Amino acid sequence: MNLYFRLIWTWLRARMKPAIAMGDTITMQLRVWPNDLDVNGHMNNGRYMTIVDLALIEYFTRAGFLPVALKRGWRPMLGGSMISFRRGLKPFTVYTLRFSLECWDERWNYMRFEFERQGQTMAVGFTKGAVVGKDGIVSSHDTYGALGMRQASPAFPATVSAWIEADRLIRS
């Protein structure tokens, strides 16, 4: 299965699903295909993040943000990820991906994802992303304002705060 096919399929299916609010959690039922595998016979570590990108497309579509972004010439940009692998996903295994927007600051949005199979966590992590326009990163205030949202970010989970500090230390 080509990834572009998956991207288009994800977007088309998302348009048929109920709308969500920013902060809601979505779940996606997915399958491990042969082109997802590494030489060890389980899903490649890089493929997990590619699948998270598909969740982001579904999330943006269902939250109504995709048309807003396209109209303004904005595009999503990821700024980092943190993932912990617990168990491998074998070929043709069906699994669930949970994805949610957890919190945000002036620039970055922090999303949590979890790959699960039969009640067991296979991988879990966070990714951070921003919206970029012709003049650079669009502030979260402007991004959420375009959706009519005015509320403050939920509290930052300890894991995200620790990640931000670790990221600061890596950059220094």
C-alpha atoms as a PDB file:
ATOM      1  CA  MET A   1       0.000   0.000   0.000  1.00  0.00           C
ATOM      2  CA  ASN A   2       1.443   3.304  -1.064  1.00  0.00           C
ATOM      3  CA  LEU A   3       1.613   5.997   1.615  1.00  0.00           C
ATOM      4  CA  TYR A   4       0.018   8.558  -0.701  1.00  0.00           C
ATOM      5  CA  PHE A   5      -2.902   6.192  -1.092  1.00  0.00           C
ATOM      6  CA  ARG A   6      -3.137   5.966   2.704  1.00  0.00           C
ATOM      7  CA  LEU A   7      -2.983   9.754   2.984  1.00  0.00           C
ATOM      8  CA  ILE A   8      -5.811  10.277   0.494  1.00  0.00           C
ATOM      9  CA  TRP A   9      -7.811   7.422   2.027  1.00  0.00           C
ATOM     10  CA  THR A  10      -7.351   8.890   5.526  1.00  0.00           C
ATOM     11  CA  TRP A  11      -8.459  12.340   4.378  1.00  0.00           C
ATOM     12  CA  LEU A  12     -11.518  11.009   2.507  1.00  0.00           C
ATOM     13  CA  ARG A  13     -12.605   8.839   5.451  1.00  0.00           C
ATOM     14  CA  ALA A  14     -12.069  11.702   7.910  1.00  0.00           C
ATOM     15  CA  ARG A  15     -14.482  13.858   5.902  1.00  0.00           C
ATOM     16  CA  MET A  16     -17.186  11.237   6.513  1.00  0.00           C
ATOM     17  CA  LYS A  17     -16.619  11.020  10.264  1.00  0.00           C
ATOM     18  CA  PRO A  18     -18.202  13.279  12.891  1.00  0.00           C
ATOM     19  CA  ALA A  19     -16.603  16.621  13.653  1.00  0.00           C
ATOM     20  CA  ILE A  20     -14.444  16.926  16.744  1.00  0.00           C
ATOM     21  CA  ALA A  21     -13.307  19.808  18.921  1.00  0.00           C
ATOM     22  CA  MET A  22      -9.655  20.647  19.422  1.00  0.00           C
ATOM     23  CA  GLY A  23      -8.597  18.651  22.475  1.00  0.00           C
ATOM     24  CA  ASP A  24     -10.777  15.643  21.678  1.00  0.00           C
ATOM     25  CA  THR A  25      -9.205  12.230  21.191  1.00  0.00           C
ATOM     26  CA  ILE A  26      -9.573  10.342  17.938  1.00  0.00           C
ATOM     27  CA  THR A  27      -9.026   6.631  17.418  1.00  0.00           C
ATOM     28  CA  MET A  28      -8.007   4.998  14.178  1.00  0.00           C
ATOM     29  CA  GLN A  29      -8.110   1.274  13.419  1.00  0.00           C
ATOM     30  CA  LEU A  30      -5.114   0.425  11.256  1.00  0.00           C
ATOM     31  CA  ARG A  31      -3.216  -2.591   9.971  1.00  0.00           C
ATOM     32  CA  VAL A  32       0.508  -3.298   9.589  1.00  0.00           C
ATOM     33  CA  TRP A  33       1.230  -3.777   5.885  1.00  0.00           C
ATOM     34  CA  PRO A  34       4.331  -5.451   4.408  1.00  0.00           C
ATOM     35  CA  ASN A  35       5.847  -2.104   3.373  1.00  0.00           C
ATOM     36  CA  ASP A  36       5.661  -0.996   7.046  1.00  0.00           C
ATOM     37  CA  LEU A  37       8.151  -3.685   8.113  1.00  0.00           C
ATOM     38  CA  ASP A  38      11.838  -3.554   8.912  1.00  0.00           C
ATOM     39  CA  VAL A  39      14.370  -6.385   8.596  1.00  0.00           C
ATOM     40  CA  ASN A  40      13.275  -7.738  11.995  1.00  0.00           C
ATOM     41  CA  GLY A  41       9.777  -8.444  10.699  1.00  0.00           C
ATOM     42  CA  HIS A  42       7.886  -5.840  12.713  1.00  0.00           C
ATOM     43  CA  MET A  43       6.743  -2.283  12.037  1.00  0.00           C
ATOM     44  CA  ASN A  44       9.718  -0.022  11.364  1.00  0.00           C
ATOM     45  CA  ASN A  45      10.369   2.578  14.049  1.00  0.00           C
ATOM     46  CA  GLY A  46      10.195   5.413  11.504  1.00  0.00           C
ATOM     47  CA  ARG A  47       6.856   4.167  10.191  1.00  0.00           C
ATOM     48  CA  TYR A  48       5.213   4.872  13.554  1.00  0.00           C
ATOM     49  CA  MET A  49       5.793   8.590  13.038  1.00  0.00           C
ATOM     50  CA  THR A  50       4.527   8.404   9.455  1.00  0.00           C
ATOM     51  CA  ILE A  51       1.319   6.865  10.794  1.00  0.00           C
ATOM     52  CA  VAL A  52       1.125   9.655  13.397  1.00  0.00           C
ATOM     53  CA  ASP A  53       1.189  12.088  10.433  1.00  0.00           C
ATOM     54  CA  LEU A  54      -1.925  10.344   9.105  1.00  0.00           C
ATOM     55  CA  ALA A  55      -3.604  10.851  12.480  1.00  0.00           C
ATOM     56  CA  LEU A  56      -2.727  14.546  12.269  1.00  0.00           C
ATOM     57  CA  ILE A  57      -4.461  14.779   8.871  1.00  0.00           C
ATOM     58  CA  GLU A  58      -7.574  13.120  10.262  1.00  0.00           C
ATOM     59  CA  TYR A  59      -7.487  15.350  13.333  1.00  0.00           C
ATOM     60  CA  PHE A  60      -7.117  18.579  11.337  1.00  0.00           C
ATOM     61  CA  THR A  61      -9.864  17.501   8.951  1.00  0.00           C
ATOM     62  CA  ARG A  62     -12.375  16.524  11.630  1.00  0.00           C
ATOM     63  CA  ALA A  63     -11.626  19.611  13.750  1.00  0.00           C
ATOM     64  CA  GLY A  64     -12.329  21.855  10.753  1.00  0.00           C
ATOM     65  CA  PHE A  65      -8.824  23.273  10.727  1.00  0.00           C
ATOM     66  CA  LEU A  66      -7.705  21.984   7.322  1.00  0.00           C
ATOM     67  CA  PRO A  67      -9.915  24.301   5.224  1.00  0.00           C
ATOM     68  CA  VAL A  68      -9.023  27.251   7.475  1.00  0.00           C
ATOM     69  CA  ALA A  69      -5.309  26.533   7.029  1.00  0.00           C
ATOM     70  CA  LEU A  70      -5.561  26.052   3.265  1.00  0.00           C
ATOM     71  CA  LYS A  71      -7.518  29.294   2.857  1.00  0.00           C
ATOM     72  CA  ARG A  72      -4.801  31.244   4.703  1.00  0.00           C
ATOM     73  CA  GLY A  73      -1.864  29.467   3.059  1.00  0.00           C
ATOM     74  CA  TRP A  74      -0.834  27.845   6.337  1.00  0.00           C
ATOM     75  CA  ARG A  75       0.759  24.433   6.589  1.00  0.00           C
ATOM     76  CA  PRO A  76       1.575  22.148   9.498  1.00  0.00           C
ATOM     77  CA  MET A  77       5.191  21.663  10.539  1.00  0.00           C
ATOM     78  CA  LEU A  78       6.436  19.167  13.097  1.00  0.00           C
ATOM     79  CA  GLY A  79       9.178  20.299  15.438  1.00  0.00           C
ATOM     80  CA  GLY A  80      10.023  17.102  17.263  1.00  0.00           C
ATOM     81  CA  SER A  81       8.791  13.824  18.625  1.00  0.00           C
ATOM     82  CA  MET A  82       9.376  11.611  21.597  1.00  0.00           C
ATOM     83  CA  ILE A  83       8.353   7.973  21.455  1.00  0.00           C
ATOM     84  CA  SER A  84       8.770   4.910  23.645  1.00  0.00           C
ATOM     85  CA  PHE A  85       8.475   1.492  22.006  1.00  0.00           C
ATOM     86  CA  ARG A  86       7.186  -1.307  24.213  1.00  0.00           C
ATOM     87  CA  ARG A  87       6.245  -4.170  21.900  1.00  0.00           C
ATOM     88  CA  GLY A  88       6.567  -4.810  18.168  1.00  0.00           C
ATOM     89  CA  LEU A  89       3.669  -4.798  15.722  1.00  0.00           C
ATOM     90  CA  LYS A  90       3.834  -7.855  13.446  1.00  0.00           C
ATOM     91  CA  PRO A  91       2.699  -8.090   9.791  1.00  0.00           C
ATOM     92  CA  PHE A  92      -1.051  -7.751   9.142  1.00  0.00           C
ATOM     93  CA  THR A  93      -1.739  -6.989  12.811  1.00  0.00           C
ATOM     94  CA  VAL A  94      -4.721  -4.716  13.397  1.00  0.00           C
ATOM     95  CA  TYR A  95      -4.040  -2.032  15.980  1.00  0.00           C
ATOM     96  CA  THR A  96      -5.587   1.146  17.347  1.00  0.00           C
ATOM     97  CA  LEU A  97      -3.942   4.560  17.269  1.00  0.00           C
ATOM     98  CA  ARG A  98      -5.205   7.111  19.796  1.00  0.00           C
ATOM     99  CA  PHE A  99      -4.292  10.724  19.062  1.00  0.00           C
ATOM    100  CA  SER A 100      -5.128  13.926  20.905  1.00  0.00           C
ATOM    101  CA  LEU A 101      -4.076  17.532  21.275  1.00  0.00           C
ATOM    102  CA  GLU A 102      -2.896  17.839  24.881  1.00  0.00           C
ATOM    103  CA  CYS A 103      -1.726  21.447  25.287  1.00  0.00           C
ATOM    104  CA  TRP A 104      -0.069  24.379  23.556  1.00  0.00           C
ATOM    105  CA  ASP A 105       2.107  27.420  24.138  1.00  0.00           C
ATOM    106  CA  GLU A 106       2.579  30.528  21.998  1.00  0.00           C
ATOM    107  CA  ARG A 107       4.198  28.541  19.171  1.00  0.00           C
ATOM    108  CA  TRP A 108       3.935  24.821  19.658  1.00  0.00           C
ATOM    109  CA  ASN A 109       1.060  22.359  19.939  1.00  0.00           C
ATOM    110  CA  TYR A 110       1.756  19.146  21.853  1.00  0.00           C
ATOM    111  CA  MET A 111      -0.066  16.005  20.771  1.00  0.00           C
ATOM    112  CA  ARG A 112      -0.125  12.618  22.470  1.00  0.00           C
ATOM    113  CA  PHE A 113      -0.332   9.338  20.570  1.00  0.00           C
ATOM    114  CA  GLU A 114      -0.634   5.731  21.639  1.00  0.00           C
ATOM    115  CA  PHE A 115      -0.441   2.581  19.537  1.00  0.00           C
ATOM    116  CA  GLU A 116      -2.448  -0.194  21.155  1.00  0.00           C
ATOM    117  CA  ARG A 117      -3.228  -3.805  20.324  1.00  0.00           C
ATOM    118  CA  GLN A 118      -5.664  -5.961  22.287  1.00  0.00           C
ATOM    119  CA  GLY A 119      -5.465  -3.668  25.317  1.00  0.00           C
ATOM    120  CA  GLN A 120      -1.656  -3.556  25.348  1.00  0.00           C
ATOM    121  CA  THR A 121       0.329  -0.406  24.668  1.00  0.00           C
ATOM    122  CA  MET A 122       2.747  -1.047  21.814  1.00  0.00           C
ATOM    123  CA  ALA A 123       4.230   2.467  21.609  1.00  0.00           C
ATOM    124  CA  VAL A 124       3.416   5.804  23.195  1.00  0.00           C
ATOM    125  CA  GLY A 125       4.732   9.311  22.756  1.00  0.00           C
ATOM    126  CA  PHE A 126       4.286  12.966  22.003  1.00  0.00           C
ATOM    127  CA  THR A 127       4.888  15.128  18.992  1.00  0.00           C
ATOM    128  CA  LYS A 128       4.987  18.886  18.747  1.00  0.00           C
ATOM    129  CA  GLY A 129       3.932  20.927  15.787  1.00  0.00           C
ATOM    130  CA  ALA A 130       3.301  24.459  14.680  1.00  0.00           C
ATOM    131  CA  VAL A 131       1.481  26.170  11.859  1.00  0.00           C
ATOM    132  CA  VAL A 132       3.640  28.024   9.338  1.00  0.00           C
ATOM    133  CA  GLY A 133       2.539  30.850   7.065  1.00  0.00           C
ATOM    134  CA  LYS A 134       4.399  33.008   4.562  1.00  0.00           C
ATOM    135  CA  ASP A 135       5.933  35.046   7.399  1.00  0.00           C
ATOM    136  CA  GLY A 136       6.989  32.077   9.548  1.00  0.00           C
ATOM    137  CA  ILE A 137       5.335  30.401  12.503  1.00  0.00           C
ATOM    138  CA  VAL A 138       1.766  31.513  13.139  1.00  0.00           C
ATOM    139  CA  SER A 139       1.068  32.128  16.819  1.00  0.00           C
ATOM    140  CA  SER A 140      -1.227  29.748  18.629  1.00  0.00           C
ATOM    141  CA  HIS A 141      -3.413  32.738  19.474  1.00  0.00           C
ATOM    142  CA  ASP A 142      -3.965  33.397  15.761  1.00  0.00           C
ATOM    143  CA  THR A 143      -4.277  29.715  14.902  1.00  0.00           C
ATOM    144  CA  TYR A 144      -6.953  28.992  17.505  1.00  0.00           C
ATOM    145  CA  GLY A 145      -8.563  32.383  16.935  1.00  0.00           C
ATOM    146  CA  ALA A 146      -9.162  31.394  13.300  1.00  0.00           C
ATOM    147  CA  LEU A 147     -11.227  28.507  14.676  1.00  0.00           C
ATOM    148  CA  GLY A 148     -13.133  30.751  17.073  1.00  0.00           C
ATOM    149  CA  MET A 149     -11.327  29.324  20.115  1.00  0.00           C
ATOM    150  CA  ARG A 150     -10.344  31.679  22.889  1.00  0.00           C
ATOM    151  CA  GLN A 151      -9.603  29.344  25.800  1.00  0.00           C
ATOM    152  CA  ALA A 152      -6.204  28.912  27.387  1.00  0.00           C
ATOM    153  CA  SER A 153      -4.219  25.729  27.005  1.00  0.00           C
ATOM    154  CA  PRO A 154      -4.928  22.871  29.380  1.00  0.00           C
ATOM    155  CA  ALA A 155      -2.197  22.250  31.960  1.00  0.00           C
ATOM    156  CA  PHE A 156       0.995  20.756  30.588  1.00  0.00           C
ATOM    157  CA  PRO A 157       1.471  17.098  31.557  1.00  0.00           C
ATOM    158  CA  ALA A 158       4.709  16.457  33.463  1.00  0.00           C
ATOM    159  CA  THR A 159       6.014  14.404  30.520  1.00  0.00           C
ATOM    160  CA  VAL A 160       5.627  17.337  28.130  1.00  0.00           C
ATOM    161  CA  SER A 161       7.244  19.775  30.567  1.00  0.00           C
ATOM    162  CA  ALA A 162      10.189  17.408  31.019  1.00  0.00           C
ATOM    163  CA  TRP A 163      10.488  17.007  27.252  1.00  0.00           C
ATOM    164  CA  ILE A 164      10.543  20.793  26.764  1.00  0.00           C
ATOM    165  CA  GLU A 165      13.351  21.050  29.321  1.00  0.00           C
ATOM    166  CA  ALA A 166      15.285  18.193  27.700  1.00  0.00           C
ATOM    167  CA  ASP A 167      14.867  19.857  24.309  1.00  0.00           C
ATOM    168  CA  ARG A 168      16.197  23.127  25.746  1.00  0.00           C
ATOM    169  CA  LEU A 169      19.231  21.317  27.141  1.00  0.00           C
ATOM    170  CA  ILE A 170      19.943  19.566  23.826  1.00  0.00           C
ATOM    171  CA  ARG A 171      19.864  22.902  22.010  1.00  0.00           C
ATOM    172  CA  SER A 172      22.194  24.660  24.470  1.00  0.00           C
END
